[in-house]
Amino acid sequence: MLETLTGEPVLLGLAALAAFAVAVIALKIAVKIAVRVGIVAAIVLAGLYTAGITDLSFLPFF
């Protein structure tokens, strides 16, 4: 059991590299989604403001 955890350094290095690559890709995807959600929220709020709906008390967080 301990041998599998302390396997060859090359395999451990490859596993660490794969974990790092997965984390970087997940972070890129999360940033893209956050930017898109922010843009959509800004457009919706601008539309509400243009329509004259400035009282947002109907929303649970205002």
Protein backbone atom coordinates (compact mmCIF):
# COMPACT_ATOMS: atom_id res chain seq x y z
CA MET A 1 0.00 0.00 0.00
CA LEU A 2 2.76 2.43 0.90
CA GLU A 3 4.60 1.64 -2.32
CA THR A 4 1.71 2.94 -4.40
CA LEU A 5 1.77 6.26 -2.54
CA THR A 6 5.52 6.62 -2.76
CA GLY A 7 5.84 5.31 -6.30
CA GLU A 8 8.40 6.29 -8.82
CA PRO A 9 9.27 9.98 -8.88
CA VAL A 10 8.50 10.19 -12.58
CA LEU A 11 4.95 8.95 -12.05
CA LEU A 12 4.45 11.26 -9.09
CA GLY A 13 5.72 14.16 -11.19
CA LEU A 14 3.36 13.29 -14.02
CA ALA A 15 0.45 12.99 -11.61
CA ALA A 16 1.27 16.39 -10.11
CA LEU A 17 1.55 17.90 -13.58
CA ALA A 18 -1.81 16.45 -14.57
CA ALA A 19 -3.42 17.78 -11.40
CA PHE A 20 -1.94 21.22 -12.08
CA ALA A 21 -3.21 21.17 -15.67
CA VAL A 22 -6.71 20.25 -14.54
CA ALA A 23 -6.68 23.06 -11.97
CA VAL A 24 -5.53 25.61 -14.55
CA ILE A 25 -8.18 24.56 -17.06
CA ALA A 26 -10.89 24.64 -14.38
CA LEU A 27 -9.79 28.14 -13.35
CA LYS A 28 -9.88 29.35 -16.95
CA ILE A 29 -13.40 27.99 -17.40
CA ALA A 30 -14.54 29.53 -14.11
CA VAL A 31 -13.17 32.94 -15.10
CA LYS A 32 -14.89 32.77 -18.50
CA ILE A 33 -18.22 31.89 -16.88
CA ALA A 34 -17.84 34.65 -14.27
CA VAL A 35 -17.11 37.25 -16.94
CA ARG A 36 -20.10 36.18 -19.01
CA VAL A 37 -22.43 36.25 -16.00
CA GLY A 38 -21.12 39.71 -15.10
CA ILE A 39 -21.73 41.01 -18.62
CA VAL A 40 -25.27 39.62 -18.65
CA ALA A 41 -25.99 41.13 -15.22
CA ALA A 42 -24.69 44.52 -16.35
CA ILE A 43 -26.88 44.42 -19.48
CA VAL A 44 -29.96 43.43 -17.47
CA LEU A 45 -29.38 46.17 -14.89
CA ALA A 46 -28.79 48.73 -17.65
CA GLY A 47 -32.03 47.64 -19.29
CA LEU A 48 -33.94 47.98 -16.02
CA TYR A 49 -32.44 51.41 -15.46
CA THR A 50 -33.33 52.47 -19.02
CA ALA A 51 -36.88 51.25 -18.53
CA GLY A 52 -37.13 53.40 -15.41
CA ILE A 53 -37.11 50.57 -12.92
CA THR A 54 -34.68 51.98 -10.37
CA ASP A 55 -36.38 50.57 -7.29
CA LEU A 56 -34.93 47.08 -7.00
CA SER A 57 -36.45 46.34 -3.60
CA PHE A 58 -38.34 43.42 -5.13
CA LEU A 59 -35.04 41.57 -5.30
CA PRO A 60 -34.15 39.61 -2.17
CA PHE A 61 -30.67 41.09 -1.82
CA PHE A 62 -31.55 44.81 -2.15
